[in-house]
Amino acid sequence: MISLLIAVSVLLAAAPVQAGPCDIYRAAGTPCVAAHSVVRALYDNYNGPLYQVNRSVAGGQLMDIGVLTPGGVANAAAQDAFCAGVQCVIQRIYDQSERHNHLDVAPPGGAHRERDAPVNATKLSVSVSGKKVYAAYFEGGMGYRNDQTNGVATGNSAETLYMVTSGQHYNGGCCFDYGNAETNNLDDGAGTMEAVYWGNCGVWGRGAGNGPWVMADLENGLWAGDQKVNLNNTPIATPFVTAMVKGGENGFALKAGDATQGRLRVMYDGPRPHGYQPMKKQGAIILGIGGDNSDGAIGTFFEGVMTAGYSTDAADDAVQANIIQARYSLH
């Protein structure tokens, strides 16, 4: 444990701004197996595409949107030029890790038996590191998925997942998730999912007040703790939120905080709800939907990662510091 803390500290001291979330997690011994973002690189040397846009006219022409500089933010100007005068959608969100777990528009599933819609690529722009970028803005009926992944946790293996989302764009629909899900697009029962959820759905579980809350979608339940109500899980309504689920081999934790300042708050850390231990994770990746393609939720996605193994609190704190350094802001 001490050696991991030293490794993270040395990395941050050497490159306090440049080190990305996945550099931090790799140095701590829990490397990213998925790294998705439409706004910035999540490794300090990443110089590939972030996402792909599709012009909905003129034969559906495609263009990859990369970064302005290695380790930098998205090249929004390239998107603006390509999409000038026409509507563009996000066709694919690239995985920046070496696992190549890219997210494409979600296929039919048990809850919605049609292919989901892609998000409007120009619906919402914000600022990251002082530069204009575009978010993935989900308006219901929209989702992304990869059912054939590489390296994602299965069974009862440990993992950490986080996403940066909006505390002001959400609803109580099922389910604005990012994370681990079934590979057959069906509801396979308790424990076959482990995704970070953001919203104020209170059907299965809830936190204090009226939300929104970070919860774990473990299938057949959104859990704010191990009981139906966890009053220690408090809402966060800031424009940018870091929401995190940590799935251990014998329990789970929830963290959340303002993505522009302050530390992550531990909303829950303890055993899983009854009937969810051990887990039966299947290793698909979803975004904006539930494991069975439930697509009634709205939400905003900026970035997210999934790791191999249960990250240290020190690594989580360093990742939150990096997110703050990215300077998310509204125009």
C-alpha atoms as a PDB file:
ATOM      1  CA  MET A   1       0.000   0.000   0.000  1.00  0.00           C
ATOM      2  CA  ILE A   2       2.778   2.451   0.894  1.00  0.00           C
ATOM      3  CA  SER A   3       4.546   1.803  -2.408  1.00  0.00           C
ATOM      4  CA  LEU A   4       1.346   2.585  -4.317  1.00  0.00           C
ATOM      5  CA  LEU A   5       0.896   5.847  -2.448  1.00  0.00           C
ATOM      6  CA  ILE A   6       4.496   6.795  -3.192  1.00  0.00           C
ATOM      7  CA  ALA A   7       4.032   5.965  -6.884  1.00  0.00           C
ATOM      8  CA  VAL A   8       0.968   8.190  -7.149  1.00  0.00           C
ATOM      9  CA  SER A   9       2.699  10.999  -5.251  1.00  0.00           C
ATOM     10  CA  VAL A  10       5.783  10.833  -7.475  1.00  0.00           C
ATOM     11  CA  LEU A  11       3.634  10.870 -10.622  1.00  0.00           C
ATOM     12  CA  LEU A  12       1.715  13.934  -9.500  1.00  0.00           C
ATOM     13  CA  ALA A  13       4.843  15.734  -8.355  1.00  0.00           C
ATOM     14  CA  ALA A  14       6.522  15.106 -11.689  1.00  0.00           C
ATOM     15  CA  ALA A  15       3.520  16.175 -13.774  1.00  0.00           C
ATOM     16  CA  PRO A  16       0.885  17.890 -11.630  1.00  0.00           C
ATOM     17  CA  VAL A  17      -1.180  19.075 -14.606  1.00  0.00           C
ATOM     18  CA  GLN A  18      -0.363  16.621 -17.384  1.00  0.00           C
ATOM     19  CA  ALA A  19      -0.960  13.296 -15.600  1.00  0.00           C
ATOM     20  CA  GLY A  20      -4.389  12.055 -16.640  1.00  0.00           C
ATOM     21  CA  PRO A  21      -6.818   9.949 -14.594  1.00  0.00           C
ATOM     22  CA  CYS A  22      -5.636   6.746 -16.247  1.00  0.00           C
ATOM     23  CA  ASP A  23      -1.960   7.608 -15.637  1.00  0.00           C
ATOM     24  CA  ILE A  24      -2.848   8.014 -11.965  1.00  0.00           C
ATOM     25  CA  TYR A  25      -4.766   4.756 -11.735  1.00  0.00           C
ATOM     26  CA  ARG A  26      -2.031   2.874 -13.629  1.00  0.00           C
ATOM     27  CA  ALA A  27       0.628   4.175 -11.229  1.00  0.00           C
ATOM     28  CA  ALA A  28      -1.535   2.979  -8.334  1.00  0.00           C
ATOM     29  CA  GLY A  29      -1.772  -0.553  -9.725  1.00  0.00           C
ATOM     30  CA  THR A  30      -5.362  -0.357 -11.000  1.00  0.00           C
ATOM     31  CA  PRO A  31      -5.047   0.444 -14.710  1.00  0.00           C
ATOM     32  CA  CYS A  32      -7.946   1.627 -16.827  1.00  0.00           C
ATOM     33  CA  VAL A  33      -9.609  -1.043 -18.955  1.00  0.00           C
ATOM     34  CA  ALA A  34     -11.951   1.566 -20.420  1.00  0.00           C
ATOM     35  CA  ALA A  35     -11.414   5.313 -20.790  1.00  0.00           C
ATOM     36  CA  HIS A  36     -14.164   7.257 -22.531  1.00  0.00           C
ATOM     37  CA  SER A  37     -14.436  11.004 -22.936  1.00  0.00           C
ATOM     38  CA  VAL A  38     -15.903  13.423 -25.449  1.00  0.00           C
ATOM     39  CA  VAL A  39     -14.069  16.402 -23.965  1.00  0.00           C
ATOM     40  CA  ARG A  40     -10.438  15.502 -23.220  1.00  0.00           C
ATOM     41  CA  ALA A  41      -7.661  12.941 -23.197  1.00  0.00           C
ATOM     42  CA  LEU A  42      -7.559  10.740 -20.095  1.00  0.00           C
ATOM     43  CA  TYR A  43      -3.855   9.845 -20.520  1.00  0.00           C
ATOM     44  CA  ASP A  44      -1.151  12.501 -20.599  1.00  0.00           C
ATOM     45  CA  ASN A  45       0.196  11.268 -23.945  1.00  0.00           C
ATOM     46  CA  TYR A  46      -3.039  10.281 -25.674  1.00  0.00           C
ATOM     47  CA  ASN A  47      -3.182  11.659 -29.209  1.00  0.00           C
ATOM     48  CA  GLY A  48      -5.923   9.579 -30.821  1.00  0.00           C
ATOM     49  CA  PRO A  49      -9.625  10.099 -31.530  1.00  0.00           C
ATOM     50  CA  LEU A  50     -12.072  10.844 -28.709  1.00  0.00           C
ATOM     51  CA  TYR A  51     -15.292  10.241 -30.623  1.00  0.00           C
ATOM     52  CA  GLN A  52     -16.734   9.960 -34.098  1.00  0.00           C
ATOM     53  CA  VAL A  53     -19.421  12.218 -35.534  1.00  0.00           C
ATOM     54  CA  ASN A  54     -21.864  11.281 -38.267  1.00  0.00           C
ATOM     55  CA  ARG A  55     -23.406  13.854 -40.593  1.00  0.00           C
ATOM     56  CA  SER A  56     -27.050  12.839 -40.803  1.00  0.00           C
ATOM     57  CA  VAL A  57     -27.251  14.057 -44.397  1.00  0.00           C
ATOM     58  CA  ALA A  58     -25.020  13.649 -47.442  1.00  0.00           C
ATOM     59  CA  GLY A  59     -24.750   9.892 -47.076  1.00  0.00           C
ATOM     60  CA  GLY A  60     -23.853   9.807 -43.409  1.00  0.00           C
ATOM     61  CA  GLN A  61     -20.258  10.949 -43.683  1.00  0.00           C
ATOM     62  CA  LEU A  62     -18.073  10.154 -40.661  1.00  0.00           C
ATOM     63  CA  MET A  63     -15.285  12.093 -38.982  1.00  0.00           C
ATOM     64  CA  ASP A  64     -13.130  11.307 -35.962  1.00  0.00           C
ATOM     65  CA  ILE A  65     -12.721  14.148 -33.481  1.00  0.00           C
ATOM     66  CA  GLY A  66      -9.339  14.096 -31.806  1.00  0.00           C
ATOM     67  CA  VAL A  67      -7.461  16.297 -29.365  1.00  0.00           C
ATOM     68  CA  LEU A  68      -5.849  19.670 -29.999  1.00  0.00           C
ATOM     69  CA  THR A  69      -2.560  18.457 -28.496  1.00  0.00           C
ATOM     70  CA  PRO A  70      -1.397  15.164 -26.939  1.00  0.00           C
ATOM     71  CA  GLY A  71      -3.115  14.836 -23.578  1.00  0.00           C
ATOM     72  CA  GLY A  72      -5.283  17.848 -24.392  1.00  0.00           C
ATOM     73  CA  VAL A  73      -8.920  18.691 -25.028  1.00  0.00           C
ATOM     74  CA  ALA A  74     -11.216  17.886 -27.927  1.00  0.00           C
ATOM     75  CA  ASN A  75     -10.862  19.693 -31.227  1.00  0.00           C
ATOM     76  CA  ALA A  76     -14.302  21.288 -31.274  1.00  0.00           C
ATOM     77  CA  ALA A  77     -13.348  23.511 -34.196  1.00  0.00           C
ATOM     78  CA  ALA A  78     -12.921  20.449 -36.414  1.00  0.00           C
ATOM     79  CA  GLN A  79     -16.410  19.299 -35.467  1.00  0.00           C
ATOM     80  CA  ASP A  80     -17.854  22.763 -36.096  1.00  0.00           C
ATOM     81  CA  ALA A  81     -16.364  22.840 -39.573  1.00  0.00           C
ATOM     82  CA  PHE A  82     -17.525  19.311 -40.452  1.00  0.00           C
ATOM     83  CA  CYS A  83     -21.040  19.819 -39.083  1.00  0.00           C
ATOM     84  CA  ALA A  84     -21.610  23.355 -40.370  1.00  0.00           C
ATOM     85  CA  GLY A  85     -25.177  23.714 -41.584  1.00  0.00           C
ATOM     86  CA  VAL A  86     -26.182  20.106 -40.898  1.00  0.00           C
ATOM     87  CA  GLN A  87     -27.067  17.958 -37.906  1.00  0.00           C
ATOM     88  CA  CYS A  88     -24.353  15.695 -36.541  1.00  0.00           C
ATOM     89  CA  VAL A  89     -24.672  12.852 -34.049  1.00  0.00           C
ATOM     90  CA  ILE A  90     -22.049  10.990 -32.030  1.00  0.00           C
ATOM     91  CA  GLN A  91     -21.669   7.606 -33.694  1.00  0.00           C
ATOM     92  CA  ARG A  92     -18.885   6.166 -31.516  1.00  0.00           C
ATOM     93  CA  ILE A  93     -17.042   7.079 -28.322  1.00  0.00           C
ATOM     94  CA  TYR A  94     -13.520   5.709 -28.472  1.00  0.00           C
ATOM     95  CA  ASP A  95     -11.817   3.861 -25.650  1.00  0.00           C
ATOM     96  CA  GLN A  96      -8.492   5.562 -25.038  1.00  0.00           C
ATOM     97  CA  SER A  97      -7.069   2.527 -23.211  1.00  0.00           C
ATOM     98  CA  GLU A  98      -5.159  -0.223 -24.987  1.00  0.00           C
ATOM     99  CA  ARG A  99      -8.222  -2.465 -24.555  1.00  0.00           C
ATOM    100  CA  HIS A 100     -10.115  -0.791 -27.429  1.00  0.00           C
ATOM    101  CA  ASN A 101     -13.492  -1.046 -25.694  1.00  0.00           C
ATOM    102  CA  HIS A 102     -15.190   1.496 -27.944  1.00  0.00           C
ATOM    103  CA  LEU A 103     -18.857   2.394 -27.417  1.00  0.00           C
ATOM    104  CA  ASP A 104     -21.250   2.332 -30.371  1.00  0.00           C
ATOM    105  CA  VAL A 105     -24.962   3.085 -30.560  1.00  0.00           C
ATOM    106  CA  ALA A 106     -26.766   0.495 -28.426  1.00  0.00           C
ATOM    107  CA  PRO A 107     -28.585  -2.406 -30.101  1.00  0.00           C
ATOM    108  CA  PRO A 108     -32.060  -3.637 -29.088  1.00  0.00           C
ATOM    109  CA  GLY A 109     -32.545  -5.183 -25.648  1.00  0.00           C
ATOM    110  CA  GLY A 110     -35.166  -6.686 -23.397  1.00  0.00           C
ATOM    111  CA  ALA A 111     -36.687  -3.404 -22.244  1.00  0.00           C
ATOM    112  CA  HIS A 112     -36.489  -1.562 -25.562  1.00  0.00           C
ATOM    113  CA  ARG A 113     -36.480  -3.871 -28.558  1.00  0.00           C
ATOM    114  CA  GLU A 114     -35.230  -1.320 -31.022  1.00  0.00           C
ATOM    115  CA  ARG A 115     -31.836   0.234 -31.614  1.00  0.00           C
ATOM    116  CA  ASP A 116     -31.266   3.342 -29.531  1.00  0.00           C
ATOM    117  CA  ALA A 117     -30.727   6.775 -31.005  1.00  0.00           C
ATOM    118  CA  PRO A 118     -27.333   8.503 -30.926  1.00  0.00           C
ATOM    119  CA  VAL A 119     -26.935  11.845 -29.151  1.00  0.00           C
ATOM    120  CA  ASN A 120     -26.886  15.182 -30.929  1.00  0.00           C
ATOM    121  CA  ALA A 121     -23.195  16.065 -31.218  1.00  0.00           C
ATOM    122  CA  THR A 122     -23.742  19.818 -30.889  1.00  0.00           C
ATOM    123  CA  LYS A 123     -26.567  20.001 -28.339  1.00  0.00           C
ATOM    124  CA  LEU A 124     -24.420  21.253 -25.454  1.00  0.00           C
ATOM    125  CA  SER A 125     -21.054  22.958 -25.418  1.00  0.00           C
ATOM    126  CA  VAL A 126     -19.039  23.731 -22.278  1.00  0.00           C
ATOM    127  CA  SER A 127     -15.491  24.792 -21.502  1.00  0.00           C
ATOM    128  CA  VAL A 128     -12.645  22.490 -20.432  1.00  0.00           C
ATOM    129  CA  SER A 129      -9.199  23.984 -19.807  1.00  0.00           C
ATOM    130  CA  GLY A 130     -10.484  27.225 -21.267  1.00  0.00           C
ATOM    131  CA  LYS A 131     -11.454  25.641 -24.593  1.00  0.00           C
ATOM    132  CA  LYS A 132     -14.881  24.999 -26.093  1.00  0.00           C
ATOM    133  CA  VAL A 133     -15.856  21.311 -26.154  1.00  0.00           C
ATOM    134  CA  TYR A 134     -19.070  19.360 -26.683  1.00  0.00           C
ATOM    135  CA  ALA A 135     -20.818  17.042 -24.218  1.00  0.00           C
ATOM    136  CA  ALA A 136     -22.750  13.840 -24.898  1.00  0.00           C
ATOM    137  CA  TYR A 137     -26.245  15.086 -24.070  1.00  0.00           C
ATOM    138  CA  PHE A 138     -28.814  12.299 -23.579  1.00  0.00           C
ATOM    139  CA  GLU A 139     -32.473  13.221 -24.057  1.00  0.00           C
ATOM    140  CA  GLY A 140     -34.151   9.831 -23.632  1.00  0.00           C
ATOM    141  CA  GLY A 141     -34.181   6.901 -26.040  1.00  0.00           C
ATOM    142  CA  MET A 142     -30.420   7.292 -26.486  1.00  0.00           C
ATOM    143  CA  GLY A 143     -27.615   4.945 -25.499  1.00  0.00           C
ATOM    144  CA  TYR A 144     -24.257   3.317 -26.287  1.00  0.00           C
ATOM    145  CA  ARG A 145     -22.914  -0.158 -25.638  1.00  0.00           C
ATOM    146  CA  ASN A 146     -20.160  -2.714 -26.177  1.00  0.00           C
ATOM    147  CA  ASP A 147     -21.076  -6.350 -25.538  1.00  0.00           C
ATOM    148  CA  GLN A 148     -17.721  -7.823 -26.583  1.00  0.00           C
ATOM    149  CA  THR A 149     -15.167  -6.188 -24.334  1.00  0.00           C
ATOM    150  CA  ASN A 150     -11.598  -6.895 -23.327  1.00  0.00           C
ATOM    151  CA  GLY A 151     -10.338  -6.849 -19.742  1.00  0.00           C
ATOM    152  CA  VAL A 152     -13.511  -5.633 -18.018  1.00  0.00           C
ATOM    153  CA  ALA A 153     -14.305  -7.224 -14.635  1.00  0.00           C
ATOM    154  CA  THR A 154     -16.472 -10.344 -14.671  1.00  0.00           C
ATOM    155  CA  GLY A 155     -17.881 -12.507 -11.895  1.00  0.00           C
ATOM    156  CA  ASN A 156     -16.936 -11.151  -8.480  1.00  0.00           C
ATOM    157  CA  SER A 157     -13.769  -9.375  -9.636  1.00  0.00           C
ATOM    158  CA  ALA A 158     -13.137  -5.883  -8.283  1.00  0.00           C
ATOM    159  CA  GLU A 159     -13.300  -2.635 -10.254  1.00  0.00           C
ATOM    160  CA  THR A 160     -13.719   1.132  -9.887  1.00  0.00           C
ATOM    161  CA  LEU A 161     -15.902   3.237 -12.163  1.00  0.00           C
ATOM    162  CA  TYR A 162     -16.441   6.968 -12.338  1.00  0.00           C
ATOM    163  CA  MET A 163     -18.039   9.461 -14.667  1.00  0.00           C
ATOM    164  CA  VAL A 164     -18.187  13.231 -14.813  1.00  0.00           C
ATOM    165  CA  THR A 165     -21.802  14.209 -15.391  1.00  0.00           C
ATOM    166  CA  SER A 166     -24.216  17.084 -14.731  1.00  0.00           C
ATOM    167  CA  GLY A 167     -26.021  17.673 -11.460  1.00  0.00           C
ATOM    168  CA  GLN A 168     -28.593  19.772 -13.303  1.00  0.00           C
ATOM    169  CA  HIS A 169     -29.656  17.528 -16.208  1.00  0.00           C
ATOM    170  CA  TYR A 170     -31.284  14.328 -14.969  1.00  0.00           C
ATOM    171  CA  ASN A 171     -34.615  12.634 -14.347  1.00  0.00           C
ATOM    172  CA  GLY A 172     -36.137   9.676 -12.538  1.00  0.00           C
ATOM    173  CA  GLY A 173     -36.165   7.421 -15.573  1.00  0.00           C
ATOM    174  CA  CYS A 174     -34.229   4.203 -15.871  1.00  0.00           C
ATOM    175  CA  CYS A 175     -31.361   4.435 -16.144  1.00  0.00           C
ATOM    176  CA  PHE A 176     -28.566   6.924 -16.753  1.00  0.00           C
ATOM    177  CA  ASP A 177     -25.713   4.468 -16.225  1.00  0.00           C
ATOM    178  CA  TYR A 178     -22.074   4.096 -17.130  1.00  0.00           C
ATOM    179  CA  GLY A 179     -20.372   0.801 -16.442  1.00  0.00           C
ATOM    180  CA  ASN A 180     -20.542  -2.964 -16.345  1.00  0.00           C
ATOM    181  CA  ALA A 181     -23.628  -4.763 -17.713  1.00  0.00           C
ATOM    182  CA  GLU A 182     -25.000  -7.929 -19.273  1.00  0.00           C
ATOM    183  CA  THR A 183     -23.561  -9.126 -22.565  1.00  0.00           C
ATOM    184  CA  ASN A 184     -26.954 -10.298 -23.923  1.00  0.00           C
ATOM    185  CA  ASN A 185     -28.823  -6.989 -23.421  1.00  0.00           C
ATOM    186  CA  LEU A 186     -31.321  -8.677 -21.090  1.00  0.00           C
ATOM    187  CA  ASP A 187     -32.099  -8.516 -17.364  1.00  0.00           C
ATOM    188  CA  ASP A 188     -30.179 -11.525 -16.030  1.00  0.00           C
ATOM    189  CA  GLY A 189     -30.949 -10.882 -12.368  1.00  0.00           C
ATOM    190  CA  ALA A 190     -29.371  -9.411  -9.260  1.00  0.00           C
ATOM    191  CA  GLY A 191     -25.619  -8.911  -9.421  1.00  0.00           C
ATOM    192  CA  THR A 192     -25.212  -9.166 -13.185  1.00  0.00           C
ATOM    193  CA  MET A 193     -24.495  -5.418 -13.448  1.00  0.00           C
ATOM    194  CA  GLU A 194     -22.249  -2.905 -11.694  1.00  0.00           C
ATOM    195  CA  ALA A 195     -22.656   0.569 -13.119  1.00  0.00           C
ATOM    196  CA  VAL A 196     -22.524   4.092 -11.740  1.00  0.00           C
ATOM    197  CA  TYR A 197     -25.980   5.687 -11.926  1.00  0.00           C
ATOM    198  CA  TRP A 198     -26.850   9.378 -11.733  1.00  0.00           C
ATOM    199  CA  GLY A 199     -30.365  10.755 -11.303  1.00  0.00           C
ATOM    200  CA  ASN A 200     -33.276  10.821  -8.878  1.00  0.00           C
ATOM    201  CA  CYS A 201     -35.049   7.552  -9.569  1.00  0.00           C
ATOM    202  CA  GLY A 202     -36.422   6.363  -6.222  1.00  0.00           C
ATOM    203  CA  VAL A 203     -38.197   3.181  -7.285  1.00  0.00           C
ATOM    204  CA  TRP A 204     -35.676   0.740  -5.771  1.00  0.00           C
ATOM    205  CA  GLY A 205     -33.547   2.910  -3.494  1.00  0.00           C
ATOM    206  CA  ARG A 206     -32.777   6.524  -2.734  1.00  0.00           C
ATOM    207  CA  GLY A 207     -30.651   8.935  -0.783  1.00  0.00           C
ATOM    208  CA  ALA A 208     -31.618  11.995   1.226  1.00  0.00           C
ATOM    209  CA  GLY A 209     -33.908  14.691  -0.138  1.00  0.00           C
ATOM    210  CA  ASN A 210     -35.037  14.664  -3.748  1.00  0.00           C
ATOM    211  CA  GLY A 211     -31.749  13.897  -5.477  1.00  0.00           C
ATOM    212  CA  PRO A 212     -29.916  13.631  -7.735  1.00  0.00           C
ATOM    213  CA  TRP A 213     -27.794  10.901  -6.164  1.00  0.00           C
ATOM    214  CA  VAL A 214     -24.957   8.649  -7.129  1.00  0.00           C
ATOM    215  CA  MET A 215     -26.162   5.070  -6.897  1.00  0.00           C
ATOM    216  CA  ALA A 216     -24.958   1.657  -8.012  1.00  0.00           C
ATOM    217  CA  ASP A 217     -27.038  -0.131 -10.626  1.00  0.00           C
ATOM    218  CA  LEU A 218     -26.524  -3.744  -9.627  1.00  0.00           C
ATOM    219  CA  GLU A 219     -29.470  -4.963 -11.757  1.00  0.00           C
ATOM    220  CA  ASN A 220     -32.985  -5.205 -10.386  1.00  0.00           C
ATOM    221  CA  GLY A 221     -32.111  -2.278  -8.160  1.00  0.00           C
ATOM    222  CA  LEU A 222     -30.487   1.150  -7.961  1.00  0.00           C
ATOM    223  CA  TRP A 223     -28.756   1.225  -4.597  1.00  0.00           C
ATOM    224  CA  ALA A 224     -27.720   4.278  -2.570  1.00  0.00           C
ATOM    225  CA  GLY A 225     -26.387   1.924   0.103  1.00  0.00           C
ATOM    226  CA  ASP A 226     -27.265  -1.574   1.289  1.00  0.00           C
ATOM    227  CA  GLN A 227     -30.795  -0.548   2.346  1.00  0.00           C
ATOM    228  CA  LYS A 228     -33.639   1.042   0.406  1.00  0.00           C
ATOM    229  CA  VAL A 229     -32.919   4.476   1.923  1.00  0.00           C
ATOM    230  CA  ASN A 230     -29.496   5.881   2.787  1.00  0.00           C
ATOM    231  CA  LEU A 231     -29.776   9.355   4.278  1.00  0.00           C
ATOM    232  CA  ASN A 232     -25.981   9.714   4.236  1.00  0.00           C
ATOM    233  CA  ASN A 233     -26.136   9.769   0.444  1.00  0.00           C
ATOM    234  CA  THR A 234     -26.848  13.437  -0.179  1.00  0.00           C
ATOM    235  CA  PRO A 235     -27.766  15.203  -3.436  1.00  0.00           C
ATOM    236  CA  ILE A 236     -25.270  17.211  -5.476  1.00  0.00           C
ATOM    237  CA  ALA A 237     -26.805  19.771  -7.830  1.00  0.00           C
ATOM    238  CA  THR A 238     -23.699  21.470  -9.213  1.00  0.00           C
ATOM    239  CA  PRO A 239     -23.242  21.845 -13.001  1.00  0.00           C
ATOM    240  CA  PHE A 240     -20.430  19.271 -13.025  1.00  0.00           C
ATOM    241  CA  VAL A 241     -20.324  16.200 -10.768  1.00  0.00           C
ATOM    242  CA  THR A 242     -17.850  13.374 -10.262  1.00  0.00           C
ATOM    243  CA  ALA A 243     -19.823  10.188  -9.510  1.00  0.00           C
ATOM    244  CA  MET A 244     -18.022   6.983  -8.548  1.00  0.00           C
ATOM    245  CA  VAL A 245     -18.845   3.347  -7.790  1.00  0.00           C
ATOM    246  CA  LYS A 246     -16.210   1.036  -6.328  1.00  0.00           C
ATOM    247  CA  GLY A 247     -17.032  -2.645  -6.520  1.00  0.00           C
ATOM    248  CA  GLY A 248     -14.988  -4.813  -4.182  1.00  0.00           C
ATOM    249  CA  GLU A 249     -14.971  -8.550  -3.766  1.00  0.00           C
ATOM    250  CA  ASN A 250     -17.048  -8.298  -0.595  1.00  0.00           C
ATOM    251  CA  GLY A 251     -18.847  -4.947  -0.690  1.00  0.00           C
ATOM    252  CA  PHE A 252     -19.033  -1.644  -2.532  1.00  0.00           C
ATOM    253  CA  ALA A 253     -18.568   2.071  -2.069  1.00  0.00           C
ATOM    254  CA  LEU A 254     -20.121   5.219  -3.500  1.00  0.00           C
ATOM    255  CA  LYS A 255     -18.361   8.577  -3.803  1.00  0.00           C
ATOM    256  CA  ALA A 256     -19.404  11.875  -5.357  1.00  0.00           C
ATOM    257  CA  GLY A 257     -18.420  15.518  -5.406  1.00  0.00           C
ATOM    258  CA  ASP A 258     -18.334  18.783  -7.285  1.00  0.00           C
ATOM    259  CA  ALA A 259     -16.092  18.221 -10.322  1.00  0.00           C
ATOM    260  CA  THR A 260     -14.768  21.791 -10.103  1.00  0.00           C
ATOM    261  CA  GLN A 261     -13.707  21.997  -6.460  1.00  0.00           C
ATOM    262  CA  GLY A 262     -13.341  20.084  -3.218  1.00  0.00           C
ATOM    263  CA  ARG A 263     -12.873  16.432  -2.370  1.00  0.00           C
ATOM    264  CA  LEU A 264     -15.046  13.439  -3.098  1.00  0.00           C
ATOM    265  CA  ARG A 265     -17.517  12.573  -0.365  1.00  0.00           C
ATOM    266  CA  VAL A 266     -18.024   8.967   0.674  1.00  0.00           C
ATOM    267  CA  MET A 267     -21.758   8.425   0.333  1.00  0.00           C
ATOM    268  CA  TYR A 268     -21.576   4.749   1.277  1.00  0.00           C
ATOM    269  CA  ASP A 269     -18.934   2.126   2.045  1.00  0.00           C
ATOM    270  CA  GLY A 270     -20.020  -1.301   3.238  1.00  0.00           C
ATOM    271  CA  PRO A 271     -21.687  -4.580   2.307  1.00  0.00           C
ATOM    272  CA  ARG A 272     -23.838  -5.076  -0.740  1.00  0.00           C
ATOM    273  CA  PRO A 273     -27.616  -5.414  -0.431  1.00  0.00           C
ATOM    274  CA  HIS A 274     -29.043  -8.812   0.395  1.00  0.00           C
ATOM    275  CA  GLY A 275     -28.890 -11.145  -2.603  1.00  0.00           C
ATOM    276  CA  TYR A 276     -26.054  -9.321  -4.373  1.00  0.00           C
ATOM    277  CA  GLN A 277     -23.037 -11.126  -2.944  1.00  0.00           C
ATOM    278  CA  PRO A 278     -21.144 -12.616  -4.684  1.00  0.00           C
ATOM    279  CA  MET A 279     -21.535 -10.604  -7.873  1.00  0.00           C
ATOM    280  CA  LYS A 280     -22.106 -12.146 -11.308  1.00  0.00           C
ATOM    281  CA  LYS A 281     -20.769  -9.373 -13.527  1.00  0.00           C
ATOM    282  CA  GLN A 282     -20.711 -10.090 -17.245  1.00  0.00           C
ATOM    283  CA  GLY A 283     -18.384  -7.369 -18.512  1.00  0.00           C
ATOM    284  CA  ALA A 284     -20.304  -5.461 -21.181  1.00  0.00           C
ATOM    285  CA  ILE A 285     -20.088  -1.645 -21.065  1.00  0.00           C
ATOM    286  CA  ILE A 286     -23.118   0.643 -21.260  1.00  0.00           C
ATOM    287  CA  LEU A 287     -23.643   4.397 -21.322  1.00  0.00           C
ATOM    288  CA  GLY A 288     -26.958   6.231 -20.858  1.00  0.00           C
ATOM    289  CA  ILE A 289     -29.065   3.074 -20.521  1.00  0.00           C
ATOM    290  CA  GLY A 290     -29.759   0.128 -18.222  1.00  0.00           C
ATOM    291  CA  GLY A 291     -28.440  -3.360 -18.765  1.00  0.00           C
ATOM    292  CA  ASP A 292     -31.602  -4.494 -20.551  1.00  0.00           C
ATOM    293  CA  ASN A 293     -31.567  -1.369 -22.746  1.00  0.00           C
ATOM    294  CA  SER A 294     -33.971   0.583 -20.538  1.00  0.00           C
ATOM    295  CA  ASP A 295     -33.561   4.001 -22.129  1.00  0.00           C
ATOM    296  CA  GLY A 296     -35.963   6.353 -20.350  1.00  0.00           C
ATOM    297  CA  ALA A 297     -33.288   8.407 -18.606  1.00  0.00           C
ATOM    298  CA  ILE A 298     -31.746  11.728 -19.493  1.00  0.00           C
ATOM    299  CA  GLY A 299     -28.302  12.924 -18.491  1.00  0.00           C
ATOM    300  CA  THR A 300     -24.991  14.391 -19.611  1.00  0.00           C
ATOM    301  CA  PHE A 301     -21.704  12.536 -20.049  1.00  0.00           C
ATOM    302  CA  PHE A 302     -18.315  14.209 -20.220  1.00  0.00           C
ATOM    303  CA  GLU A 303     -15.836  11.480 -19.241  1.00  0.00           C
ATOM    304  CA  GLY A 304     -15.614   8.144 -17.472  1.00  0.00           C
ATOM    305  CA  VAL A 305     -13.257   5.262 -16.770  1.00  0.00           C
ATOM    306  CA  MET A 306     -13.357   1.677 -15.557  1.00  0.00           C
ATOM    307  CA  THR A 307     -10.384   0.056 -13.835  1.00  0.00           C
ATOM    308  CA  ALA A 308      -9.002  -3.407 -13.242  1.00  0.00           C
ATOM    309  CA  GLY A 309      -9.094  -3.810  -9.472  1.00  0.00           C
ATOM    310  CA  TYR A 310     -10.324  -1.758  -6.529  1.00  0.00           C
ATOM    311  CA  SER A 311      -8.589   1.616  -6.524  1.00  0.00           C
ATOM    312  CA  THR A 312      -7.029   3.203  -3.449  1.00  0.00           C
ATOM    313  CA  ASP A 313      -8.563   6.242  -1.823  1.00  0.00           C
ATOM    314  CA  ALA A 314      -5.337   8.113  -2.546  1.00  0.00           C
ATOM    315  CA  ALA A 315      -5.682   7.374  -6.261  1.00  0.00           C
ATOM    316  CA  ASP A 316      -9.337   8.469  -6.204  1.00  0.00           C
ATOM    317  CA  ASP A 317      -8.348  11.733  -4.541  1.00  0.00           C
ATOM    318  CA  ALA A 318      -5.623  12.311  -7.131  1.00  0.00           C
ATOM    319  CA  VAL A 319      -8.085  11.648  -9.956  1.00  0.00           C
ATOM    320  CA  GLN A 320     -10.546  14.126  -8.457  1.00  0.00           C
ATOM    321  CA  ALA A 321      -7.726  16.690  -8.239  1.00  0.00           C
ATOM    322  CA  ASN A 322      -6.954  16.070 -11.917  1.00  0.00           C
ATOM    323  CA  ILE A 323     -10.600  16.573 -12.862  1.00  0.00           C
ATOM    324  CA  ILE A 324     -10.605  19.879 -10.975  1.00  0.00           C
ATOM    325  CA  GLN A 325      -7.420  20.892 -12.808  1.00  0.00           C
ATOM    326  CA  ALA A 326      -9.226  20.295 -16.107  1.00  0.00           C
ATOM    327  CA  ARG A 327     -11.342  23.367 -15.249  1.00  0.00           C
ATOM    328  CA  TYR A 328     -14.821  22.313 -16.312  1.00  0.00           C
ATOM    329  CA  SER A 329     -17.035  25.382 -16.655  1.00  0.00           C
ATOM    330  CA  LEU A 330     -20.122  26.703 -18.367  1.00  0.00           C
ATOM    331  CA  HIS A 331     -19.566  29.349 -21.018  1.00  0.00           C
END
